[in-house]
Structure formats: C-alpha cells, structure tokens
Amino acid sequence: MVLTKKRLETLGGIGSILTGLMCVGIGVMDYETGNAWKIWVIMTVVLVVNGIAMIRHAAKRPEDEIIRVPSPREVAKART
C-alpha cells in the first residue's frame, strides 16, 4: 500500500475533527453532573482547530512525497 503524506495528513485532520465531535458528546453527558463539561469544550475547540489546520496544511503539500507501507505478506517474509 502506498500512502502520500498529503493523504495521511488529511486523514489525521478528519480523525481530529471526529474526535472533537466525540468530546462534544462527552461534554453534553457531563453538563448536568458538574463542571467537567468545560474541559470537554476546550478539548473540542483544540481538536477541531487542529483538524482544520492539518487539512489546510495537507492541501498545500505536493503530491509526490510518498510513504510506502509494507503489506502483511512483506512483513511476514521479512520476519523469516
């Protein structure tokens, strides 16, 4: 499998945004029980901003830089 750094950073940005949305859910559940929801709001903002920054950075990156991920067969051959 071949991944470009651009694709990897884009996936990381999407993952960060989705994790931020999960923090919203946790914050909503903690809203009635105490003040911990404020921490989840801060983490949501940090993760969403990080995700947007990663996606914007990936958009500026050229496509020619490549990371090669070995297949499971290649890993098994290397171990023997």
Protein backbone atom coordinates (compact mmCIF):
# COMPACT_ATOMS: atom_id res chain seq x y z
CA MET A 1 0.00 0.00 0.00
CA VAL A 2 1.30 3.44 -0.87
CA LEU A 3 0.25 6.49 1.10
CA THR A 4 1.17 10.03 0.29
CA LYS A 5 1.93 12.39 3.14
CA LYS A 6 -0.88 14.57 1.85
CA ARG A 7 -3.43 11.76 2.25
CA LEU A 8 -2.05 10.82 5.66
CA GLU A 9 -2.33 14.40 6.95
CA THR A 10 -5.83 14.72 5.54
CA LEU A 11 -6.92 11.53 7.32
CA GLY A 12 -5.32 12.80 10.53
CA GLY A 13 -7.24 16.06 10.23
CA ILE A 14 -10.52 14.26 9.70
CA GLY A 15 -9.77 12.00 12.67
CA SER A 16 -9.02 15.00 14.85
CA ILE A 17 -12.30 16.67 13.92
CA LEU A 18 -14.26 13.46 14.59
CA THR A 19 -12.55 13.10 17.97
CA GLY A 20 -13.53 16.69 18.75
CA LEU A 21 -17.14 15.86 17.96
CA MET A 22 -16.92 12.88 20.31
CA CYS A 23 -15.76 15.30 23.02
CA VAL A 24 -18.95 17.29 22.45
CA GLY A 25 -20.96 14.17 23.27
CA ILE A 26 -18.99 13.55 26.45
CA GLY A 27 -19.38 17.22 27.43
CA VAL A 28 -23.14 17.04 26.96
CA MET A 29 -23.29 13.97 29.21
CA ASP A 30 -21.17 15.73 31.87
CA TYR A 31 -23.14 19.00 31.69
CA GLU A 32 -25.68 18.06 34.35
CA THR A 33 -23.25 16.37 36.75
CA GLY A 34 -20.68 19.11 37.30
CA ASN A 35 -18.11 21.45 35.84
CA ALA A 36 -16.11 18.88 33.86
CA TRP A 37 -18.00 19.82 30.68
CA LYS A 38 -15.83 22.95 30.42
CA ILE A 39 -12.76 20.78 29.87
CA TRP A 40 -14.54 18.89 27.09
CA VAL A 41 -15.50 22.16 25.39
CA ILE A 42 -11.85 23.27 25.44
CA MET A 43 -10.70 19.91 24.05
CA THR A 44 -13.36 20.11 21.32
CA VAL A 45 -12.08 23.50 20.21
CA VAL A 46 -8.44 22.35 20.28
CA LEU A 47 -9.15 19.18 18.28
CA VAL A 48 -11.35 20.86 15.67
CA VAL A 49 -8.85 23.69 15.13
CA ASN A 50 -6.03 21.13 14.88
CA GLY A 51 -8.02 19.11 12.34
CA ILE A 52 -8.73 22.15 10.19
CA ALA A 53 -5.06 23.18 10.34
CA MET A 54 -3.95 19.69 9.30
CA ILE A 55 -6.33 19.61 6.35
CA ARG A 56 -5.25 23.08 5.21
CA HIS A 57 -1.59 22.10 5.53
CA ALA A 58 -2.20 18.91 3.55
CA ALA A 59 -3.86 20.92 0.78
CA LYS A 60 -0.63 22.91 0.32
CA ARG A 61 1.63 19.83 0.26
CA PRO A 62 2.77 18.47 -3.10
CA GLU A 63 1.51 15.01 -4.03
CA ASP A 64 4.90 13.49 -4.94
CA GLU A 65 6.14 12.70 -1.42
CA ILE A 66 5.40 9.04 -0.70
CA ILE A 67 5.37 6.78 2.35
CA ARG A 68 5.42 3.10 1.47
CA VAL A 69 3.56 0.85 3.91
CA PRO A 70 4.57 -2.82 3.58
CA SER A 71 1.85 -5.39 3.00
CA PRO A 72 1.31 -8.13 5.62
CA ARG A 73 2.98 -10.63 3.26
CA GLU A 74 6.11 -8.49 3.00
CA VAL A 75 6.23 -8.17 6.78
CA ALA A 76 5.91 -11.96 7.18
CA LYS A 77 8.69 -12.57 4.65
CA ALA A 78 10.98 -10.12 6.43
CA ARG A 79 10.48 -11.88 9.75
CA THR A 80 11.52 -15.28 8.37
